[in-house]
Amino acid sequence: MAKTPGFTEYVDDRDATITAQLRENDPRTKSEWFEVARIDSNGVSNSYLFSKANYQSFKQLMAKHDSEFNTWMAGAQ
């Protein structure tokens, strides 16, 4: 029975059914999995791991928040 060491299991923090077992040098670790840090309204920093699909959704949500914040900063209601 052969063993191949050096694998990491990736689990999407938003959807735990999305997983992958990848070697450290696999290019998918950088093209399909994204670790992000987010500071919540209480100033607490959290780190999340997202698959490519959920990362795109996260970026859209953050863009919406950025736009709302910029509007708020400009003094608009």
N, C-alpha and C. Protein backbone atom coordinates (compact mmCIF):
# COMPACT_ATOMS: atom_id res chain seq x y z
N MET A 1 0.85 -1.18 0.00
CA MET A 1 0.00 0.00 0.00
C MET A 1 0.89 1.24 0.00
N ALA A 2 0.72 2.10 -0.97
CA ALA A 2 1.53 3.31 -1.08
C ALA A 2 0.89 4.45 -0.30
N LYS A 3 1.75 5.29 0.24
CA LYS A 3 1.30 6.50 0.94
C LYS A 3 1.96 7.70 0.28
N THR A 4 1.19 8.75 0.12
CA THR A 4 1.72 9.99 -0.41
C THR A 4 1.47 11.09 0.62
N PRO A 5 2.51 11.55 1.31
CA PRO A 5 2.33 12.59 2.31
C PRO A 5 2.23 13.98 1.67
N GLY A 6 1.86 14.95 2.47
CA GLY A 6 1.88 16.34 2.02
C GLY A 6 0.59 16.86 1.45
N PHE A 7 -0.53 16.29 1.83
CA PHE A 7 -1.82 16.78 1.36
C PHE A 7 -2.48 17.63 2.44
N THR A 8 -3.24 18.63 2.00
CA THR A 8 -4.02 19.47 2.90
C THR A 8 -5.47 19.38 2.46
N GLU A 9 -6.37 19.25 3.43
CA GLU A 9 -7.79 19.25 3.10
C GLU A 9 -8.32 20.68 3.19
N TYR A 10 -8.97 21.12 2.15
CA TYR A 10 -9.58 22.44 2.09
C TYR A 10 -11.08 22.27 2.25
N VAL A 11 -11.67 23.08 3.13
CA VAL A 11 -13.12 23.05 3.36
C VAL A 11 -13.61 24.49 3.33
N ASP A 12 -14.56 24.76 2.47
CA ASP A 12 -15.12 26.10 2.33
C ASP A 12 -15.85 26.48 3.63
N ASP A 13 -15.53 27.64 4.18
CA ASP A 13 -16.15 28.08 5.44
C ASP A 13 -17.62 28.45 5.28
N ARG A 14 -18.06 28.74 4.08
CA ARG A 14 -19.47 29.07 3.87
C ARG A 14 -20.29 27.82 3.56
N ASP A 15 -19.69 26.88 2.84
CA ASP A 15 -20.39 25.66 2.43
C ASP A 15 -19.44 24.48 2.63
N ALA A 16 -19.60 23.80 3.76
CA ALA A 16 -18.68 22.72 4.14
C ALA A 16 -18.78 21.50 3.21
N THR A 17 -19.74 21.49 2.29
CA THR A 17 -19.79 20.39 1.34
C THR A 17 -18.79 20.58 0.20
N ILE A 18 -18.23 21.79 0.08
CA ILE A 18 -17.20 22.05 -0.94
C ILE A 18 -15.84 21.79 -0.31
N THR A 19 -15.18 20.75 -0.77
CA THR A 19 -13.90 20.36 -0.20
C THR A 19 -12.92 19.98 -1.30
N ALA A 20 -11.65 19.92 -0.94
CA ALA A 20 -10.60 19.43 -1.85
C ALA A 20 -9.45 18.94 -1.00
N GLN A 21 -8.77 17.93 -1.49
CA GLN A 21 -7.54 17.46 -0.87
C GLN A 21 -6.43 17.72 -1.89
N LEU A 22 -5.56 18.67 -1.57
CA LEU A 22 -4.56 19.12 -2.53
C LEU A 22 -3.16 19.07 -1.93
N ARG A 23 -2.18 18.79 -2.78
CA ARG A 23 -0.79 18.87 -2.36
C ARG A 23 -0.38 20.33 -2.30
N GLU A 24 0.61 20.63 -1.49
CA GLU A 24 1.01 22.02 -1.29
C GLU A 24 1.44 22.72 -2.57
N ASN A 25 2.02 22.00 -3.52
CA ASN A 25 2.48 22.63 -4.75
C ASN A 25 1.44 22.60 -5.87
N ASP A 26 0.23 22.16 -5.57
CA ASP A 26 -0.83 22.12 -6.57
C ASP A 26 -1.27 23.56 -6.89
N PRO A 27 -1.28 23.96 -8.15
CA PRO A 27 -1.66 25.34 -8.50
C PRO A 27 -3.09 25.70 -8.09
N ARG A 28 -3.94 24.71 -7.88
CA ARG A 28 -5.32 25.01 -7.47
C ARG A 28 -5.39 25.61 -6.06
N THR A 29 -4.33 25.44 -5.25
CA THR A 29 -4.34 26.03 -3.92
C THR A 29 -4.39 27.55 -3.98
N LYS A 30 -3.94 28.12 -5.10
CA LYS A 30 -3.95 29.58 -5.26
C LYS A 30 -5.01 30.06 -6.26
N SER A 31 -5.46 29.17 -7.16
CA SER A 31 -6.41 29.61 -8.17
C SER A 31 -7.86 29.26 -7.84
N GLU A 32 -8.07 28.32 -6.89
CA GLU A 32 -9.42 27.89 -6.57
C GLU A 32 -9.79 28.03 -5.09
N TRP A 33 -8.82 28.39 -4.25
CA TRP A 33 -9.06 28.55 -2.82
C TRP A 33 -8.47 29.86 -2.35
N PHE A 34 -9.24 30.61 -1.54
CA PHE A 34 -8.85 31.95 -1.15
C PHE A 34 -9.07 32.15 0.35
N GLU A 35 -8.00 32.58 1.03
CA GLU A 35 -8.11 32.90 2.45
C GLU A 35 -8.25 34.41 2.57
N VAL A 36 -9.29 34.84 3.26
CA VAL A 36 -9.55 36.26 3.42
C VAL A 36 -9.67 36.60 4.91
N ALA A 37 -9.34 37.83 5.23
CA ALA A 37 -9.53 38.34 6.59
C ALA A 37 -10.63 39.40 6.52
N ARG A 38 -11.48 39.39 7.52
CA ARG A 38 -12.56 40.37 7.58
C ARG A 38 -12.66 40.89 9.01
N ILE A 39 -12.77 42.19 9.14
CA ILE A 39 -12.94 42.81 10.46
C ILE A 39 -14.41 43.16 10.60
N ASP A 40 -15.04 42.63 11.66
CA ASP A 40 -16.47 42.87 11.84
C ASP A 40 -16.71 44.22 12.50
N SER A 41 -17.97 44.55 12.72
CA SER A 41 -18.33 45.86 13.26
C SER A 41 -17.84 46.08 14.69
N ASN A 42 -17.43 45.02 15.37
CA ASN A 42 -16.87 45.14 16.71
C ASN A 42 -15.34 45.22 16.70
N GLY A 43 -14.75 45.24 15.51
CA GLY A 43 -13.31 45.33 15.39
C GLY A 43 -12.59 43.99 15.51
N VAL A 44 -13.34 42.90 15.47
CA VAL A 44 -12.76 41.57 15.60
C VAL A 44 -12.39 41.06 14.20
N SER A 45 -11.14 40.65 14.04
CA SER A 45 -10.67 40.12 12.76
C SER A 45 -10.87 38.61 12.72
N ASN A 46 -11.48 38.14 11.64
CA ASN A 46 -11.69 36.72 11.43
C ASN A 46 -11.10 36.33 10.08
N SER A 47 -10.62 35.11 10.00
CA SER A 47 -10.06 34.58 8.77
C SER A 47 -11.00 33.51 8.22
N TYR A 48 -11.22 33.54 6.92
CA TYR A 48 -12.12 32.59 6.27
C TYR A 48 -11.45 31.98 5.05
N LEU A 49 -11.82 30.75 4.73
CA LEU A 49 -11.35 30.08 3.53
C LEU A 49 -12.55 29.84 2.63
N PHE A 50 -12.46 30.34 1.39
CA PHE A 50 -13.55 30.20 0.44
C PHE A 50 -13.09 29.50 -0.83
N SER A 51 -13.99 28.70 -1.39
CA SER A 51 -13.77 28.14 -2.71
C SER A 51 -13.91 29.27 -3.73
N LYS A 52 -13.56 28.99 -4.96
CA LYS A 52 -13.62 30.02 -6.00
C LYS A 52 -15.03 30.59 -6.14
N ALA A 53 -16.04 29.74 -6.14
CA ALA A 53 -17.43 30.21 -6.30
C ALA A 53 -17.84 31.13 -5.16
N ASN A 54 -17.57 30.74 -3.93
CA ASN A 54 -17.96 31.57 -2.79
C ASN A 54 -17.08 32.81 -2.65
N TYR A 55 -15.85 32.74 -3.10
CA TYR A 55 -14.98 33.92 -3.08
C TYR A 55 -15.54 35.00 -4.00
N GLN A 56 -16.02 34.60 -5.17
CA GLN A 56 -16.61 35.58 -6.09
C GLN A 56 -17.84 36.24 -5.46
N SER A 57 -18.66 35.45 -4.80
CA SER A 57 -19.84 35.98 -4.11
C SER A 57 -19.42 36.91 -2.97
N PHE A 58 -18.39 36.52 -2.22
CA PHE A 58 -17.86 37.36 -1.13
C PHE A 58 -17.38 38.70 -1.68
N LYS A 59 -16.65 38.69 -2.79
CA LYS A 59 -16.15 39.94 -3.38
C LYS A 59 -17.30 40.85 -3.78
N GLN A 60 -18.38 40.28 -4.33
CA GLN A 60 -19.54 41.09 -4.69
C GLN A 60 -20.18 41.72 -3.46
N LEU A 61 -20.29 40.94 -2.39
CA LEU A 61 -20.86 41.46 -1.15
C LEU A 61 -19.99 42.58 -0.59
N MET A 62 -18.67 42.39 -0.60
CA MET A 62 -17.77 43.42 -0.07
C MET A 62 -17.80 44.68 -0.93
N ALA A 63 -17.97 44.54 -2.24
CA ALA A 63 -18.09 45.71 -3.12
C ALA A 63 -19.35 46.50 -2.78
N LYS A 64 -20.44 45.78 -2.48
CA LYS A 64 -21.68 46.44 -2.07
C LYS A 64 -21.47 47.20 -0.76
N HIS A 65 -20.80 46.56 0.19
CA HIS A 65 -20.53 47.21 1.47
C HIS A 65 -19.63 48.43 1.28
N ASP A 66 -18.63 48.31 0.41
CA ASP A 66 -17.75 49.45 0.13
C ASP A 66 -18.54 50.63 -0.42
N SER A 67 -19.43 50.34 -1.35
CA SER A 67 -20.24 51.39 -1.96
C SER A 67 -21.13 52.06 -0.92
N GLU A 68 -21.77 51.26 -0.06
CA GLU A 68 -22.62 51.82 0.99
C GLU A 68 -21.81 52.66 1.97
N PHE A 69 -20.61 52.20 2.32
CA PHE A 69 -19.76 52.95 3.23
C PHE A 69 -19.32 54.27 2.60
N ASN A 70 -18.94 54.23 1.33
CA ASN A 70 -18.51 55.46 0.65
C ASN A 70 -19.65 56.47 0.56
N THR A 71 -20.86 55.99 0.33
CA THR A 71 -22.02 56.87 0.32
C THR A 71 -22.24 57.48 1.69
N TRP A 72 -22.14 56.67 2.73
CA TRP A 72 -22.29 57.14 4.10
C TRP A 72 -21.23 58.17 4.45
N MET A 73 -19.98 57.90 4.04
CA MET A 73 -18.88 58.84 4.32
C MET A 73 -19.10 60.18 3.64
N ALA A 74 -19.72 60.16 2.48
CA ALA A 74 -19.98 61.41 1.72
C ALA A 74 -21.13 62.21 2.33
N GLY A 75 -21.76 61.67 3.37
CA GLY A 75 -22.82 62.39 4.06
C GLY A 75 -24.20 62.16 3.48
N ALA A 76 -24.31 61.27 2.53
CA ALA A 76 -25.62 60.97 1.95
C ALA A 76 -26.41 60.09 2.91
N GLN A 77 -27.71 60.19 2.84
CA GLN A 77 -28.57 59.41 3.72
C GLN A 77 -28.73 58.04 3.21
